[in-house]
Structures are given as structure tokens and as C-alpha cells.
Amino acid sequence: MDQSVAVWLVLAVAAVAANLPYFSERLLLVGPRCAPKAVWWRLLELALMAVLTFALGSALEARIGQRHDQDWQFYIAAACLFITLGFPGFVWRYLRRGRG
């Protein structure tokens, strides 16, 4: 796999994964339906999706070549980017106005 394809793949997966907790009413996306789902469940799912996305990026980096060790600054910046990618789902869930 080419490096640029891996980067775009991780970005696409991150954009979808960051929005999934806001569009699903199931616990951890596969559990029983819980409407309305509590905010702390959505935050837990968001954190879980971030960890899975970081793991995918790390695995692709190791497959392409040598994996570089990162300091805490990298993970904080990546978490902020992940939260920013989830903004459309947050707006759709909490900020949109109902019709009528």
C-alpha cells in the first residue's frame, strides 16, 4: 500500500469513526438500543473510536515501514483533530433545531 493511500484511509476512517457515536442509539454501536443514549456513553464511544483509529494508523505505519515512537504531544494533537472531525455529528445530534 502506498503511503498517501494509507494517510487518506486513516483520515476517512477517522472522519466516519468520530461521527458514529452521534448517529447511533445503540450502546457501543452493537449493543441494545438505548434511546436517548446518555452523553457519557457517547464520550466513551468517542474515546474508544479514537483508540481504534490510532491503532489502525499505527498498524499501517508499521506495515509501510519503520514505526516512529511518538511523544504525548502527538497523541494530544491527534485527539483534538479526532474531536474536530466529530463536530458534524455533534451538531446534528445536539444543535440542530426541530422542524415546526
Protein backbone atom coordinates (compact mmCIF):
# COMPACT_ATOMS: atom_id res chain seq x y z
CA MET A 1 0.00 0.00 0.00
CA ASP A 2 1.27 3.45 -0.91
CA GLN A 3 1.91 5.98 1.85
CA SER A 4 -0.55 8.55 0.53
CA VAL A 5 -3.29 5.92 0.26
CA ALA A 6 -2.67 4.92 3.88
CA VAL A 7 -2.92 8.54 5.02
CA TRP A 8 -6.20 9.10 3.19
CA LEU A 9 -7.54 5.79 4.50
CA VAL A 10 -6.79 6.74 8.11
CA LEU A 11 -8.35 10.19 7.62
CA ALA A 12 -11.51 8.71 6.08
CA VAL A 13 -11.82 6.11 8.85
CA ALA A 14 -11.27 8.83 11.46
CA ALA A 15 -13.97 11.07 9.96
CA VAL A 16 -16.50 8.23 9.96
CA ALA A 17 -15.48 6.88 13.38
CA ALA A 18 -15.64 10.32 15.01
CA ASN A 19 -19.26 10.74 13.91
CA LEU A 20 -20.57 7.22 14.61
CA PRO A 21 -21.35 7.76 18.32
CA TYR A 22 -23.66 10.66 17.45
CA PHE A 23 -25.66 8.83 14.77
CA SER A 24 -26.27 5.56 16.63
CA GLU A 25 -28.55 4.94 19.60
CA ARG A 26 -27.04 1.51 20.30
CA LEU A 27 -24.61 1.06 23.18
CA LEU A 28 -21.07 0.70 21.81
CA LEU A 29 -22.64 0.59 18.32
CA VAL A 30 -23.66 -3.08 18.59
CA GLY A 31 -25.40 -3.38 21.97
CA PRO A 32 -29.05 -2.96 22.82
CA ARG A 33 -30.91 0.13 21.65
CA CYS A 34 -30.97 2.81 24.33
CA ALA A 35 -32.92 5.94 23.37
CA PRO A 36 -31.93 8.52 24.36
CA LYS A 37 -28.36 7.49 24.98
CA ALA A 38 -26.55 9.33 27.79
CA VAL A 39 -23.83 11.82 26.93
CA TRP A 40 -21.19 9.88 28.88
CA TRP A 41 -21.88 6.80 26.69
CA ARG A 42 -21.23 8.92 23.61
CA LEU A 43 -17.97 10.22 25.11
CA LEU A 44 -16.88 6.68 25.98
CA GLU A 45 -17.64 5.54 22.43
CA LEU A 46 -15.78 8.55 21.02
CA ALA A 47 -12.70 7.66 23.11
CA LEU A 48 -12.93 4.01 22.03
CA MET A 49 -13.20 5.01 18.36
CA ALA A 50 -10.17 7.30 18.77
CA VAL A 51 -8.09 4.48 20.24
CA LEU A 52 -9.12 2.13 17.42
CA THR A 53 -8.31 4.76 14.79
CA PHE A 54 -4.90 5.43 16.37
CA ALA A 55 -4.25 1.67 16.35
CA LEU A 56 -5.15 1.46 12.66
CA GLY A 57 -2.80 4.33 11.86
CA SER A 58 -0.01 2.73 13.86
CA ALA A 59 -0.54 -0.63 12.14
CA LEU A 60 -0.47 0.94 8.69
CA GLU A 61 2.66 2.89 9.58
CA ALA A 62 4.37 -0.30 10.77
CA ARG A 63 3.32 -2.09 7.57
CA ILE A 64 4.66 0.65 5.29
CA GLY A 65 7.99 0.99 7.05
CA GLN A 66 9.55 1.67 10.38
CA ARG A 67 7.13 2.84 13.06
CA HIS A 68 8.24 6.04 14.79
CA ASP A 69 7.82 6.49 18.52
CA GLN A 70 5.64 9.47 19.39
CA ASP A 71 5.60 11.68 22.46
CA TRP A 72 2.49 12.77 24.32
CA GLN A 73 2.18 15.93 22.19
CA PHE A 74 1.38 13.86 19.11
CA TYR A 75 -1.43 12.00 20.84
CA ILE A 76 -2.95 15.20 22.26
CA ALA A 77 -2.91 16.84 18.82
CA ALA A 78 -4.39 13.70 17.22
CA ALA A 79 -7.15 13.56 19.85
CA CYS A 80 -8.01 17.21 19.18
CA LEU A 81 -8.15 16.50 15.45
CA PHE A 82 -10.38 13.49 16.10
CA ILE A 83 -12.77 15.57 18.21
CA THR A 84 -12.83 18.24 15.49
CA LEU A 85 -13.72 15.62 12.88
CA GLY A 86 -16.68 14.62 15.05
CA PHE A 87 -18.14 18.15 15.04
CA PRO A 88 -20.73 17.49 12.26
CA GLY A 89 -22.21 14.60 14.25
CA PHE A 90 -22.29 16.73 17.41
CA VAL A 91 -24.12 19.49 15.56
CA TRP A 92 -26.57 17.01 14.08
CA ARG A 93 -27.29 15.42 17.47
CA TYR A 94 -27.38 18.40 19.82
CA LEU A 95 -27.56 21.71 17.96
CA ARG A 96 -30.00 21.25 15.07
CA ARG A 97 -33.46 22.66 15.51
CA GLY A 98 -36.56 20.55 15.04
CA ARG A 99 -38.99 21.37 12.26
CA GLY A 100 -42.05 23.43 13.09
